[in-house]
Amino acid sequence: MLSPFVVVFLFVCVGVAFGAGALVAAKLLRPSLPYARKLSTYECGIKPTGSSEVKLNIRFYVFALLFVIFDVEILYVYPWAVTVREVGTLALAEMAVFLAVLFLGLLFAWRKGALVWE
C-alpha cells in the first residue's frame, strides 16, 4: 500500500506532466507564421500610436484586492456555518474574532477611501 504522501506526489506529477504535454503538443501542432503586421499592436484598425503599455490608477488594483480578500472570506465562513452546531462555543468565539478583524479591515479601507469609485 502506498503512503498518502506518495499518492499526492504522483497526482501532482501526473498533473504537471499533463499540463506540460498539452503545452508541448500545442507548440508542435499550431501554425506559426509571424510577420510584422501580425505582431504589431492592434487599435481598432487605426495605426497604433505610442506604447502599448497602459498605466492604470492604483485604485483599481486596491479595489480588486479588497474584493478578493472579502470574497475569500466566504470560503472560511461557509463550511463553519454548515458545521456550527457540531464545533461548539469555542468555534463560535473564534469566528466572531475572525469576522471582527475582517470588519475592522473593511472600516479601515472605507475610511481611507479605498472603496470610493471615481
PDB file of N, CA and C in Angstrom:
ATOM      1  N   MET A   1       0.850  -1.183   0.000  1.00  0.00           N
ATOM      2  CA  MET A   1       0.000   0.000   0.000  1.00  0.00           C
ATOM      3  C   MET A   1       0.893   1.244   0.000  1.00  0.00           C
ATOM      4  N   LEU A   2       0.548   2.185  -0.844  1.00  0.00           N
ATOM      5  CA  LEU A   2       1.330   3.409  -0.944  1.00  0.00           C
ATOM      6  C   LEU A   2       0.954   4.395   0.162  1.00  0.00           C
ATOM      7  N   SER A   3       1.932   5.141   0.582  1.00  0.00           N
ATOM      8  CA  SER A   3       1.710   6.191   1.566  1.00  0.00           C
ATOM      9  C   SER A   3       0.844   7.289   0.949  1.00  0.00           C
ATOM     10  N   PRO A   4       0.036   7.973   1.754  1.00  0.00           N
ATOM     11  CA  PRO A   4      -0.776   9.076   1.196  1.00  0.00           C
ATOM     12  C   PRO A   4       0.081  10.173   0.565  1.00  0.00           C
ATOM     13  N   PHE A   5       1.292  10.387   1.095  1.00  0.00           N
ATOM     14  CA  PHE A   5       2.171  11.397   0.521  1.00  0.00           C
ATOM     15  C   PHE A   5       2.636  10.993  -0.874  1.00  0.00           C
ATOM     16  N   VAL A   6       2.883   9.710  -1.068  1.00  0.00           N
ATOM     17  CA  VAL A   6       3.305   9.216  -2.383  1.00  0.00           C
ATOM     18  C   VAL A   6       2.167   9.376  -3.383  1.00  0.00           C
ATOM     19  N   VAL A   7       0.949   9.104  -2.949  1.00  0.00           N
ATOM     20  CA  VAL A   7      -0.213   9.254  -3.831  1.00  0.00           C
ATOM     21  C   VAL A   7      -0.371  10.711  -4.259  1.00  0.00           C
ATOM     22  N   VAL A   8      -0.243  11.627  -3.310  1.00  0.00           N
ATOM     23  CA  VAL A   8      -0.356  13.051  -3.630  1.00  0.00           C
ATOM     24  C   VAL A   8       0.773  13.471  -4.563  1.00  0.00           C
ATOM     25  N   PHE A   9       1.989  12.994  -4.294  1.00  0.00           N
ATOM     26  CA  PHE A   9       3.132  13.317  -5.153  1.00  0.00           C
ATOM     27  C   PHE A   9       2.910  12.803  -6.575  1.00  0.00           C
ATOM     28  N   LEU A  10       2.419  11.577  -6.714  1.00  0.00           N
ATOM     29  CA  LEU A  10       2.139  11.031  -8.046  1.00  0.00           C
ATOM     30  C   LEU A  10       1.039  11.824  -8.744  1.00  0.00           C
ATOM     31  N   PHE A  11       0.031  12.226  -7.983  1.00  0.00           N
ATOM     32  CA  PHE A  11      -1.059  13.020  -8.558  1.00  0.00           C
ATOM     33  C   PHE A  11      -0.537  14.355  -9.087  1.00  0.00           C
ATOM     34  N   VAL A  12       0.329  15.007  -8.321  1.00  0.00           N
ATOM     35  CA  VAL A  12       0.920  16.270  -8.753  1.00  0.00           C
ATOM     36  C   VAL A  12       1.786  16.051  -9.988  1.00  0.00           C
ATOM     37  N   CYS A  13       2.576  14.973  -9.989  1.00  0.00           N
ATOM     38  CA  CYS A  13       3.438  14.681 -11.151  1.00  0.00           C
ATOM     39  C   CYS A  13       2.615  14.447 -12.411  1.00  0.00           C
ATOM     40  N   VAL A  14       1.531  13.687 -12.288  1.00  0.00           N
ATOM     41  CA  VAL A  14       0.666  13.432 -13.448  1.00  0.00           C
ATOM     42  C   VAL A  14       0.028  14.742 -13.921  1.00  0.00           C
ATOM     43  N   GLY A  15      -0.393  15.598 -12.996  1.00  0.00           N
ATOM     44  CA  GLY A  15      -0.981  16.887 -13.372  1.00  0.00           C
ATOM     45  C   GLY A  15       0.004  17.783 -14.094  1.00  0.00           C
ATOM     46  N   VAL A  16       1.242  17.859 -13.589  1.00  0.00           N
ATOM     47  CA  VAL A  16       2.267  18.678 -14.232  1.00  0.00           C
ATOM     48  C   VAL A  16       2.616  18.104 -15.601  1.00  0.00           C
ATOM     49  N   ALA A  17       2.732  16.779 -15.685  1.00  0.00           N
ATOM     50  CA  ALA A  17       3.054  16.140 -16.970  1.00  0.00           C
ATOM     51  C   ALA A  17       1.928  16.375 -17.986  1.00  0.00           C
ATOM     52  N   PHE A  18       0.697  16.311 -17.529  1.00  0.00           N
ATOM     53  CA  PHE A  18      -0.431  16.546 -18.433  1.00  0.00           C
ATOM     54  C   PHE A  18      -0.415  17.985 -18.957  1.00  0.00           C
ATOM     55  N   GLY A  19      -0.194  18.943 -18.060  1.00  0.00           N
ATOM     56  CA  GLY A  19      -0.138  20.346 -18.477  1.00  0.00           C
ATOM     57  C   GLY A  19       1.027  20.606 -19.418  1.00  0.00           C
ATOM     58  N   ALA A  20       2.213  20.095 -19.068  1.00  0.00           N
ATOM     59  CA  ALA A  20       3.382  20.285 -19.926  1.00  0.00           C
ATOM     60  C   ALA A  20       3.185  19.604 -21.282  1.00  0.00           C
ATOM     61  N   GLY A  21       2.594  18.422 -21.268  1.00  0.00           N
ATOM     62  CA  GLY A  21       2.331  17.713 -22.530  1.00  0.00           C
ATOM     63  C   GLY A  21       1.372  18.486 -23.420  1.00  0.00           C
ATOM     64  N   ALA A  22       0.355  19.084 -22.828  1.00  0.00           N
ATOM     65  CA  ALA A  22      -0.598  19.873 -23.610  1.00  0.00           C
ATOM     66  C   ALA A  22       0.087  21.096 -24.228  1.00  0.00           C
ATOM     67  N   LEU A  23       0.956  21.761 -23.458  1.00  0.00           N
ATOM     68  CA  LEU A  23       1.661  22.925 -23.993  1.00  0.00           C
ATOM     69  C   LEU A  23       2.630  22.539 -25.111  1.00  0.00           C
ATOM     70  N   VAL A  24       3.347  21.429 -24.949  1.00  0.00           N
ATOM     71  CA  VAL A  24       4.282  20.972 -25.985  1.00  0.00           C
ATOM     72  C   VAL A  24       3.518  20.565 -27.237  1.00  0.00           C
ATOM     73  N   ALA A  25       2.402  19.853 -27.064  1.00  0.00           N
ATOM     74  CA  ALA A  25       1.593  19.449 -28.219  1.00  0.00           C
ATOM     75  C   ALA A  25       1.054  20.670 -28.956  1.00  0.00           C
ATOM     76  N   ALA A  26       0.607  21.688 -28.218  1.00  0.00           N
ATOM     77  CA  ALA A  26       0.100  22.900 -28.853  1.00  0.00           C
ATOM     78  C   ALA A  26       1.203  23.614 -29.619  1.00  0.00           C
ATOM     79  N   LYS A  27       2.405  23.645 -29.054  1.00  0.00           N
ATOM     80  CA  LYS A  27       3.539  24.299 -29.719  1.00  0.00           C
ATOM     81  C   LYS A  27       3.894  23.578 -31.015  1.00  0.00           C
ATOM     82  N   LEU A  28       3.836  22.250 -31.001  1.00  0.00           N
ATOM     83  CA  LEU A  28       4.213  21.473 -32.179  1.00  0.00           C
ATOM     84  C   LEU A  28       3.131  21.469 -33.254  1.00  0.00           C
ATOM     85  N   LEU A  29       1.876  21.525 -32.877  1.00  0.00           N
ATOM     86  CA  LEU A  29       0.779  21.380 -33.827  1.00  0.00           C
ATOM     87  C   LEU A  29       0.260  22.685 -34.417  1.00  0.00           C
ATOM     88  N   ARG A  30       0.476  23.804 -33.736  1.00  0.00           N
ATOM     89  CA  ARG A  30      -0.095  25.061 -34.225  1.00  0.00           C
ATOM     90  C   ARG A  30       0.731  25.622 -35.388  1.00  0.00           C
ATOM     91  N   PRO A  31       0.074  26.346 -36.271  1.00  0.00           N
ATOM     92  CA  PRO A  31       0.828  27.009 -37.330  1.00  0.00           C
ATOM     93  C   PRO A  31       1.538  28.244 -36.773  1.00  0.00           C
ATOM     94  N   SER A  32       2.730  28.504 -37.251  1.00  0.00           N
ATOM     95  CA  SER A  32       3.495  29.654 -36.790  1.00  0.00           C
ATOM     96  C   SER A  32       3.951  30.449 -37.997  1.00  0.00           C
ATOM     97  N   LEU A  33       3.242  31.523 -38.295  1.00  0.00           N
ATOM     98  CA  LEU A  33       3.569  32.377 -39.437  1.00  0.00           C
ATOM     99  C   LEU A  33       3.651  33.832 -38.982  1.00  0.00           C
ATOM    100  N   PRO A  34       4.661  34.181 -38.193  1.00  0.00           N
ATOM    101  CA  PRO A  34       4.742  35.572 -37.726  1.00  0.00           C
ATOM    102  C   PRO A  34       5.240  36.504 -38.816  1.00  0.00           C
ATOM    103  N   TYR A  35       4.672  37.679 -38.864  1.00  0.00           N
ATOM    104  CA  TYR A  35       5.167  38.746 -39.725  1.00  0.00           C
ATOM    105  C   TYR A  35       4.883  40.072 -39.025  1.00  0.00           C
ATOM    106  N   ALA A  36       5.484  41.136 -39.521  1.00  0.00           N
ATOM    107  CA  ALA A  36       5.479  42.411 -38.799  1.00  0.00           C
ATOM    108  C   ALA A  36       4.069  42.925 -38.505  1.00  0.00           C
ATOM    109  N   ARG A  37       3.173  42.852 -39.468  1.00  0.00           N
ATOM    110  CA  ARG A  37       1.836  43.389 -39.260  1.00  0.00           C
ATOM    111  C   ARG A  37       1.057  42.563 -38.225  1.00  0.00           C
ATOM    112  N   LYS A  38       1.284  41.264 -38.227  1.00  0.00           N
ATOM    113  CA  LYS A  38       0.608  40.395 -37.275  1.00  0.00           C
ATOM    114  C   LYS A  38       1.113  40.622 -35.849  1.00  0.00           C
ATOM    115  N   LEU A  39       2.367  40.974 -35.695  1.00  0.00           N
ATOM    116  CA  LEU A  39       2.962  41.172 -34.384  1.00  0.00           C
ATOM    117  C   LEU A  39       2.789  42.593 -33.853  1.00  0.00           C
ATOM    118  N   SER A  40       2.226  43.485 -34.655  1.00  0.00           N
ATOM    119  CA  SER A  40       2.061  44.866 -34.206  1.00  0.00           C
ATOM    120  C   SER A  40       0.843  44.995 -33.295  1.00  0.00           C
ATOM    121  N   THR A  41       0.777  46.111 -32.575  1.00  0.00           N
ATOM    122  CA  THR A  41      -0.339  46.385 -31.685  1.00  0.00           C
ATOM    123  C   THR A  41      -1.575  46.707 -32.509  1.00  0.00           C
ATOM    124  N   TYR A  42      -2.714  46.175 -32.107  1.00  0.00           N
ATOM    125  CA  TYR A  42      -3.953  46.405 -32.838  1.00  0.00           C
ATOM    126  C   TYR A  42      -4.787  47.429 -32.086  1.00  0.00           C
ATOM    127  N   GLU A  43      -5.210  48.474 -32.781  1.00  0.00           N
ATOM    128  CA  GLU A  43      -6.059  49.503 -32.189  1.00  0.00           C
ATOM    129  C   GLU A  43      -7.242  49.800 -33.101  1.00  0.00           C
ATOM    130  N   CYS A  44      -8.138  48.865 -33.225  1.00  0.00           N
ATOM    131  CA  CYS A  44      -9.400  49.039 -33.959  1.00  0.00           C
ATOM    132  C   CYS A  44      -9.190  49.489 -35.396  1.00  0.00           C
ATOM    133  N   GLY A  45      -8.201  48.990 -36.062  1.00  0.00           N
ATOM    134  CA  GLY A  45      -7.977  49.322 -37.451  1.00  0.00           C
ATOM    135  C   GLY A  45      -7.228  50.613 -37.679  1.00  0.00           C
ATOM    136  N   ILE A  46      -6.947  51.360 -36.624  1.00  0.00           N
ATOM    137  CA  ILE A  46      -6.200  52.610 -36.740  1.00  0.00           C
ATOM    138  C   ILE A  46      -4.732  52.308 -36.502  1.00  0.00           C
ATOM    139  N   LYS A  47      -3.861  53.029 -37.177  1.00  0.00           N
ATOM    140  CA  LYS A  47      -2.434  52.817 -36.958  1.00  0.00           C
ATOM    141  C   LYS A  47      -2.108  53.063 -35.487  1.00  0.00           C
ATOM    142  N   PRO A  48      -1.355  52.156 -34.885  1.00  0.00           N
ATOM    143  CA  PRO A  48      -1.042  52.331 -33.467  1.00  0.00           C
ATOM    144  C   PRO A  48      -0.154  53.542 -33.214  1.00  0.00           C
ATOM    145  N   THR A  49      -0.442  54.217 -32.108  1.00  0.00           N
ATOM    146  CA  THR A  49       0.367  55.375 -31.722  1.00  0.00           C
ATOM    147  C   THR A  49       0.852  55.168 -30.306  1.00  0.00           C
ATOM    148  N   GLY A  50       2.083  55.440 -30.057  1.00  0.00           N
ATOM    149  CA  GLY A  50       2.637  55.351 -28.707  1.00  0.00           C
ATOM    150  C   GLY A  50       2.893  53.924 -28.263  1.00  0.00           C
ATOM    151  N   SER A  51       3.066  53.778 -26.981  1.00  0.00           N
ATOM    152  CA  SER A  51       3.393  52.494 -26.382  1.00  0.00           C
ATOM    153  C   SER A  51       2.126  51.668 -26.158  1.00  0.00           C
ATOM    154  N   SER A  52       2.285  50.366 -26.097  1.00  0.00           N
ATOM    155  CA  SER A  52       1.142  49.503 -25.816  1.00  0.00           C
ATOM    156  C   SER A  52       0.901  49.365 -24.310  1.00  0.00           C
ATOM    157  N   GLU A  53       1.804  49.905 -23.494  1.00  0.00           N
ATOM    158  CA  GLU A  53       1.607  49.881 -22.045  1.00  0.00           C
ATOM    159  C   GLU A  53       0.535  50.885 -21.647  1.00  0.00           C
ATOM    160  N   VAL A  54      -0.339  50.455 -20.766  1.00  0.00           N
ATOM    161  CA  VAL A  54      -1.389  51.325 -20.263  1.00  0.00           C
ATOM    162  C   VAL A  54      -1.171  51.492 -18.769  1.00  0.00           C
ATOM    163  N   LYS A  55      -1.051  52.707 -18.328  1.00  0.00           N
ATOM    164  CA  LYS A  55      -0.879  52.986 -16.903  1.00  0.00           C
ATOM    165  C   LYS A  55      -2.258  53.112 -16.262  1.00  0.00           C
ATOM    166  N   LEU A  56      -2.538  52.217 -15.322  1.00  0.00           N
ATOM    167  CA  LEU A  56      -3.809  52.248 -14.621  1.00  0.00           C
ATOM    168  C   LEU A  56      -3.615  52.839 -13.236  1.00  0.00           C
ATOM    169  N   ASN A  57      -4.656  53.455 -12.746  1.00  0.00           N
ATOM    170  CA  ASN A  57      -4.627  54.017 -11.411  1.00  0.00           C
ATOM    171  C   ASN A  57      -4.535  52.889 -10.382  1.00  0.00           C
ATOM    172  N   ILE A  58      -3.767  53.083  -9.340  1.00  0.00           N
ATOM    173  CA  ILE A  58      -3.590  52.069  -8.303  1.00  0.00           C
ATOM    174  C   ILE A  58      -4.900  51.763  -7.595  1.00  0.00           C
ATOM    175  N   ARG A  59      -5.858  52.682  -7.657  1.00  0.00           N
ATOM    176  CA  ARG A  59      -7.150  52.476  -7.009  1.00  0.00           C
ATOM    177  C   ARG A  59      -7.863  51.231  -7.541  1.00  0.00           C
ATOM    178  N   PHE A  60      -7.703  50.939  -8.834  1.00  0.00           N
ATOM    179  CA  PHE A  60      -8.341  49.763  -9.415  1.00  0.00           C
ATOM    180  C   PHE A  60      -7.764  48.489  -8.804  1.00  0.00           C
ATOM    181  N   TYR A  61      -6.459  48.446  -8.609  1.00  0.00           N
ATOM    182  CA  TYR A  61      -5.820  47.283  -8.018  1.00  0.00           C
ATOM    183  C   TYR A  61      -6.227  47.119  -6.561  1.00  0.00           C
ATOM    184  N   VAL A  62      -6.304  48.203  -5.827  1.00  0.00           N
ATOM    185  CA  VAL A  62      -6.695  48.137  -4.414  1.00  0.00           C
ATOM    186  C   VAL A  62      -8.131  47.647  -4.306  1.00  0.00           C
ATOM    187  N   PHE A  63      -9.001  48.144  -5.155  1.00  0.00           N
ATOM    188  CA  PHE A  63     -10.403  47.726  -5.131  1.00  0.00           C
ATOM    189  C   PHE A  63     -10.515  46.238  -5.449  1.00  0.00           C
ATOM    190  N   ALA A  64      -9.777  45.771  -6.448  1.00  0.00           N
ATOM    191  CA  ALA A  64      -9.807  44.349  -6.801  1.00  0.00           C
ATOM    192  C   ALA A  64      -9.242  43.491  -5.676  1.00  0.00           C
ATOM    193  N   LEU A  65      -8.178  43.940  -5.042  1.00  0.00           N
ATOM    194  CA  LEU A  65      -7.592  43.196  -3.941  1.00  0.00           C
ATOM    195  C   LEU A  65      -8.548  43.115  -2.762  1.00  0.00           C
ATOM    196  N   LEU A  66      -9.230  44.201  -2.462  1.00  0.00           N
ATOM    197  CA  LEU A  66     -10.220  44.175  -1.383  1.00  0.00           C
ATOM    198  C   LEU A  66     -11.359  43.222  -1.708  1.00  0.00           C
ATOM    199  N   PHE A  67     -11.775  43.204  -2.970  1.00  0.00           N
ATOM    200  CA  PHE A  67     -12.832  42.266  -3.367  1.00  0.00           C
ATOM    201  C   PHE A  67     -12.377  40.827  -3.152  1.00  0.00           C
ATOM    202  N   VAL A  68     -11.167  40.519  -3.560  1.00  0.00           N
ATOM    203  CA  VAL A  68     -10.655  39.151  -3.407  1.00  0.00           C
ATOM    204  C   VAL A  68     -10.565  38.775  -1.931  1.00  0.00           C
ATOM    205  N   ILE A  69     -10.072  39.687  -1.111  1.00  0.00           N
ATOM    206  CA  ILE A  69      -9.936  39.389   0.319  1.00  0.00           C
ATOM    207  C   ILE A  69     -11.293  39.078   0.936  1.00  0.00           C
ATOM    208  N   PHE A  70     -12.299  39.905   0.670  1.00  0.00           N
ATOM    209  CA  PHE A  70     -13.593  39.695   1.295  1.00  0.00           C
ATOM    210  C   PHE A  70     -14.392  38.599   0.602  1.00  0.00           C
ATOM    211  N   ASP A  71     -14.025  38.247  -0.613  1.00  0.00           N
ATOM    212  CA  ASP A  71     -14.668  37.126  -1.282  1.00  0.00           C
ATOM    213  C   ASP A  71     -14.114  35.808  -0.754  1.00  0.00           C
ATOM    214  N   VAL A  72     -12.828  35.743  -0.501  1.00  0.00           N
ATOM    215  CA  VAL A  72     -12.206  34.536   0.039  1.00  0.00           C
ATOM    216  C   VAL A  72     -12.694  34.274   1.460  1.00  0.00           C
ATOM    217  N   GLU A  73     -13.122  35.307   2.138  1.00  0.00           N
ATOM    218  CA  GLU A  73     -13.676  35.141   3.488  1.00  0.00           C
ATOM    219  C   GLU A  73     -14.820  34.132   3.477  1.00  0.00           C
ATOM    220  N   ILE A  74     -15.601  34.118   2.436  1.00  0.00           N
ATOM    221  CA  ILE A  74     -16.728  33.197   2.340  1.00  0.00           C
ATOM    222  C   ILE A  74     -16.243  31.749   2.339  1.00  0.00           C
ATOM    223  N   LEU A  75     -15.062  31.498   1.798  1.00  0.00           N
ATOM    224  CA  LEU A  75     -14.519  30.140   1.811  1.00  0.00           C
ATOM    225  C   LEU A  75     -14.309  29.623   3.222  1.00  0.00           C
ATOM    226  N   TYR A  76     -14.070  30.525   4.163  1.00  0.00           N
ATOM    227  CA  TYR A  76     -13.881  30.128   5.550  1.00  0.00           C
ATOM    228  C   TYR A  76     -15.186  30.148   6.339  1.00  0.00           C
ATOM    229  N   VAL A  77     -16.071  31.042   6.006  1.00  0.00           N
ATOM    230  CA  VAL A  77     -17.308  31.188   6.780  1.00  0.00           C
ATOM    231  C   VAL A  77     -18.328  30.110   6.418  1.00  0.00           C
ATOM    232  N   TYR A  78     -18.434  29.756   5.163  1.00  0.00           N
ATOM    233  CA  TYR A  78     -19.477  28.797   4.755  1.00  0.00           C
ATOM    234  C   TYR A  78     -19.315  27.420   5.402  1.00  0.00           C
ATOM    235  N   PRO A  79     -18.132  26.785   5.335  1.00  0.00           N
ATOM    236  CA  PRO A  79     -18.016  25.473   5.995  1.00  0.00           C
ATOM    237  C   PRO A  79     -18.250  25.559   7.504  1.00  0.00           C
ATOM    238  N   TRP A  80     -17.835  26.666   8.098  1.00  0.00           N
ATOM    239  CA  TRP A  80     -18.073  26.839   9.530  1.00  0.00           C
ATOM    240  C   TRP A  80     -19.575  26.926   9.803  1.00  0.00           C
ATOM    241  N   ALA A  81     -20.305  27.650   8.974  1.00  0.00           N
ATOM    242  CA  ALA A  81     -21.739  27.813   9.177  1.00  0.00           C
ATOM    243  C   ALA A  81     -22.480  26.484   9.019  1.00  0.00           C
ATOM    244  N   VAL A  82     -21.971  25.622   8.156  1.00  0.00           N
ATOM    245  CA  VAL A  82     -22.619  24.322   7.964  1.00  0.00           C
ATOM    246  C   VAL A  82     -22.438  23.434   9.194  1.00  0.00           C
ATOM    247  N   THR A  83     -21.281  23.538   9.845  1.00  0.00           N
ATOM    248  CA  THR A  83     -20.983  22.647  10.974  1.00  0.00           C
ATOM    249  C   THR A  83     -20.994  23.366  12.315  1.00  0.00           C
ATOM    250  N   VAL A  84     -21.628  24.495  12.424  1.00  0.00           N
ATOM    251  CA  VAL A  84     -21.574  25.303  13.643  1.00  0.00           C
ATOM    252  C   VAL A  84     -22.147  24.569  14.852  1.00  0.00           C
ATOM    253  N   ARG A  85     -23.141  23.748  14.670  1.00  0.00           N
ATOM    254  CA  ARG A  85     -23.742  23.035  15.808  1.00  0.00           C
ATOM    255  C   ARG A  85     -22.788  21.976  16.377  1.00  0.00           C
ATOM    256  N   GLU A  86     -21.953  21.384  15.519  1.00  0.00           N
ATOM    257  CA  GLU A  86     -21.049  20.335  15.985  1.00  0.00           C
ATOM    258  C   GLU A  86     -19.754  20.879  16.584  1.00  0.00           C
ATOM    259  N   VAL A  87     -19.303  22.052  16.159  1.00  0.00           N
ATOM    260  CA  VAL A  87     -17.986  22.544  16.582  1.00  0.00           C
ATOM    261  C   VAL A  87     -18.004  23.235  17.937  1.00  0.00           C
ATOM    262  N   GLY A  88     -19.119  23.724  18.379  1.00  0.00           N
ATOM    263  CA  GLY A  88     -19.224  24.232  19.742  1.00  0.00           C
ATOM    264  C   GLY A  88     -19.018  25.733  19.893  1.00  0.00           C
ATOM    265  N   THR A  89     -19.004  26.136  21.157  1.00  0.00           N
ATOM    266  CA  THR A  89     -18.946  27.549  21.512  1.00  0.00           C
ATOM    267  C   THR A  89     -17.587  28.173  21.223  1.00  0.00           C
ATOM    268  N   LEU A  90     -16.510  27.414  21.391  1.00  0.00           N
ATOM    269  CA  LEU A  90     -15.176  27.946  21.135  1.00  0.00           C
ATOM    270  C   LEU A  90     -15.037  28.360  19.662  1.00  0.00           C
ATOM    271  N   ALA A  91     -15.567  27.541  18.780  1.00  0.00           N
ATOM    272  CA  ALA A  91     -15.505  27.882  17.357  1.00  0.00           C
ATOM    273  C   ALA A  91     -16.354  29.116  17.054  1.00  0.00           C
ATOM    274  N   LEU A  92     -17.455  29.280  17.783  1.00  0.00           N
ATOM    275  CA  LEU A  92     -18.280  30.470  17.603  1.00  0.00           C
ATOM    276  C   LEU A  92     -17.501  31.722  17.996  1.00  0.00           C
ATOM    277  N   ALA A  93     -16.767  31.644  19.095  1.00  0.00           N
ATOM    278  CA  ALA A  93     -15.957  32.781  19.528  1.00  0.00           C
ATOM    279  C   ALA A  93     -14.825  33.059  18.533  1.00  0.00           C
ATOM    280  N   GLU A  94     -14.184  32.001  18.032  1.00  0.00           N
ATOM    281  CA  GLU A  94     -13.115  32.189  17.042  1.00  0.00           C
ATOM    282  C   GLU A  94     -13.647  32.843  15.768  1.00  0.00           C
ATOM    283  N   MET A  95     -14.829  32.424  15.317  1.00  0.00           N
ATOM    284  CA  MET A  95     -15.403  33.020  14.108  1.00  0.00           C
ATOM    285  C   MET A  95     -15.794  34.463  14.368  1.00  0.00           C
ATOM    286  N   ALA A  96     -16.253  34.772  15.576  1.00  0.00           N
ATOM    287  CA  ALA A  96     -16.580  36.160  15.900  1.00  0.00           C
ATOM    288  C   ALA A  96     -15.334  37.030  15.838  1.00  0.00           C
ATOM    289  N   VAL A  97     -14.210  36.522  16.335  1.00  0.00           N
ATOM    290  CA  VAL A  97     -12.956  37.281  16.264  1.00  0.00           C
ATOM    291  C   VAL A  97     -12.529  37.445  14.805  1.00  0.00           C
ATOM    292  N   PHE A  98     -12.633  36.375  14.025  1.00  0.00           N
ATOM    293  CA  PHE A  98     -12.272  36.427  12.598  1.00  0.00           C
ATOM    294  C   PHE A  98     -13.110  37.475  11.866  1.00  0.00           C
ATOM    295  N   LEU A  99     -14.409  37.445  12.075  1.00  0.00           N
ATOM    296  CA  LEU A  99     -15.284  38.404  11.390  1.00  0.00           C
ATOM    297  C   LEU A  99     -15.064  39.825  11.905  1.00  0.00           C
ATOM    298  N   ALA A 100     -14.718  39.968  13.170  1.00  0.00           N
ATOM    299  CA  ALA A 100     -14.431  41.301  13.714  1.00  0.00           C
ATOM    300  C   ALA A 100     -13.184  41.888  13.065  1.00  0.00           C
ATOM    301  N   VAL A 101     -12.152  41.065  12.891  1.00  0.00           N
ATOM    302  CA  VAL A 101     -10.931  41.541  12.231  1.00  0.00           C
ATOM    303  C   VAL A 101     -11.231  41.943  10.789  1.00  0.00           C
ATOM    304  N   LEU A 102     -12.022  41.137  10.093  1.00  0.00           N
ATOM    305  CA  LEU A 102     -12.392  41.490   8.722  1.00  0.00           C
ATOM    306  C   LEU A 102     -13.222  42.768   8.677  1.00  0.00           C
ATOM    307  N   PHE A 103     -14.125  42.925   9.634  1.00  0.00           N
ATOM    308  CA  PHE A 103     -14.941  44.132   9.677  1.00  0.00           C
ATOM    309  C   PHE A 103     -14.082  45.366   9.952  1.00  0.00           C
ATOM    310  N   LEU A 104     -13.096  45.222  10.841  1.00  0.00           N
ATOM    311  CA  LEU A 104     -12.177  46.333  11.095  1.00  0.00           C
ATOM    312  C   LEU A 104     -11.377  46.673   9.837  1.00  0.00           C
ATOM    313  N   GLY A 105     -10.979  45.659   9.081  1.00  0.00           N
ATOM    314  CA  GLY A 105     -10.280  45.900   7.817  1.00  0.00           C
ATOM    315  C   GLY A 105     -11.162  46.627   6.822  1.00  0.00           C
ATOM    316  N   LEU A 106     -12.430  46.247   6.779  1.00  0.00           N
ATOM    317  CA  LEU A 106     -13.374  46.930   5.893  1.00  0.00           C
ATOM    318  C   LEU A 106     -13.567  48.380   6.312  1.00  0.00           C
ATOM    319  N   LEU A 107     -13.704  48.624   7.608  1.00  0.00           N
ATOM    320  CA  LEU A 107     -13.835  50.000   8.098  1.00  0.00           C
ATOM    321  C   LEU A 107     -12.582  50.822   7.768  1.00  0.00           C
ATOM    322  N   PHE A 108     -11.413  50.215   7.945  1.00  0.00           N
ATOM    323  CA  PHE A 108     -10.165  50.911   7.637  1.00  0.00           C
ATOM    324  C   PHE A 108     -10.110  51.282   6.153  1.00  0.00           C
ATOM    325  N   ALA A 109     -10.458  50.341   5.274  1.00  0.00           N
ATOM    326  CA  ALA A 109     -10.454  50.615   3.832  1.00  0.00           C
ATOM    327  C   ALA A 109     -11.473  51.698   3.487  1.00  0.00           C
ATOM    328  N   TRP A 110     -12.620  51.657   4.133  1.00  0.00           N
ATOM    329  CA  TRP A 110     -13.655  52.643   3.881  1.00  0.00           C
ATOM    330  C   TRP A 110     -13.198  54.037   4.307  1.00  0.00           C
ATOM    331  N   ARG A 111     -12.583  54.132   5.498  1.00  0.00           N
ATOM    332  CA  ARG A 111     -12.105  55.432   5.994  1.00  0.00           C
ATOM    333  C   ARG A 111     -10.985  55.999   5.135  1.00  0.00           C
ATOM    334  N   LYS A 112     -10.155  55.119   4.573  1.00  0.00           N
ATOM    335  CA  LYS A 112      -9.054  55.565   3.707  1.00  0.00           C
ATOM    336  C   LYS A 112      -9.549  55.936   2.299  1.00  0.00           C
ATOM    337  N   GLY A 113     -10.811  55.650   1.986  1.00  0.00           N
ATOM    338  CA  GLY A 113     -11.357  55.985   0.681  1.00  0.00           C
ATOM    339  C   GLY A 113     -11.073  54.961  -0.398  1.00  0.00           C
ATOM    340  N   ALA A 114     -10.675  53.745  -0.011  1.00  0.00           N
ATOM    341  CA  ALA A 114     -10.340  52.720  -0.992  1.00  0.00           C
ATOM    342  C   ALA A 114     -11.584  52.178  -1.684  1.00  0.00           C
ATOM    343  N   LEU A 115     -12.752  52.369  -1.113  1.00  0.00           N
ATOM    344  CA  LEU A 115     -13.985  51.843  -1.710  1.00  0.00           C
ATOM    345  C   LEU A 115     -14.727  52.875  -2.538  1.00  0.00           C
ATOM    346  N   VAL A 116     -14.162  54.057  -2.661  1.00  0.00           N
ATOM    347  CA  VAL A 116     -14.786  55.118  -3.467  1.00  0.00           C
ATOM    348  C   VAL A 116     -14.392  54.894  -4.927  1.00  0.00           C
ATOM    349  N   TRP A 117     -15.368  54.782  -5.782  1.00  0.00           N
ATOM    350  CA  TRP A 117     -15.100  54.529  -7.204  1.00  0.00           C
ATOM    351  C   TRP A 117     -15.332  55.827  -7.969  1.00  0.00           C
ATOM    352  N   GLU A 118     -14.249  56.489  -8.338  1.00  0.00           N
ATOM    353  CA  GLU A 118     -14.360  57.768  -9.046  1.00  0.00           C
ATOM    354  C   GLU A 118     -13.804  57.667 -10.423  1.00  0.00           C
TER     355      GLU A 118
END
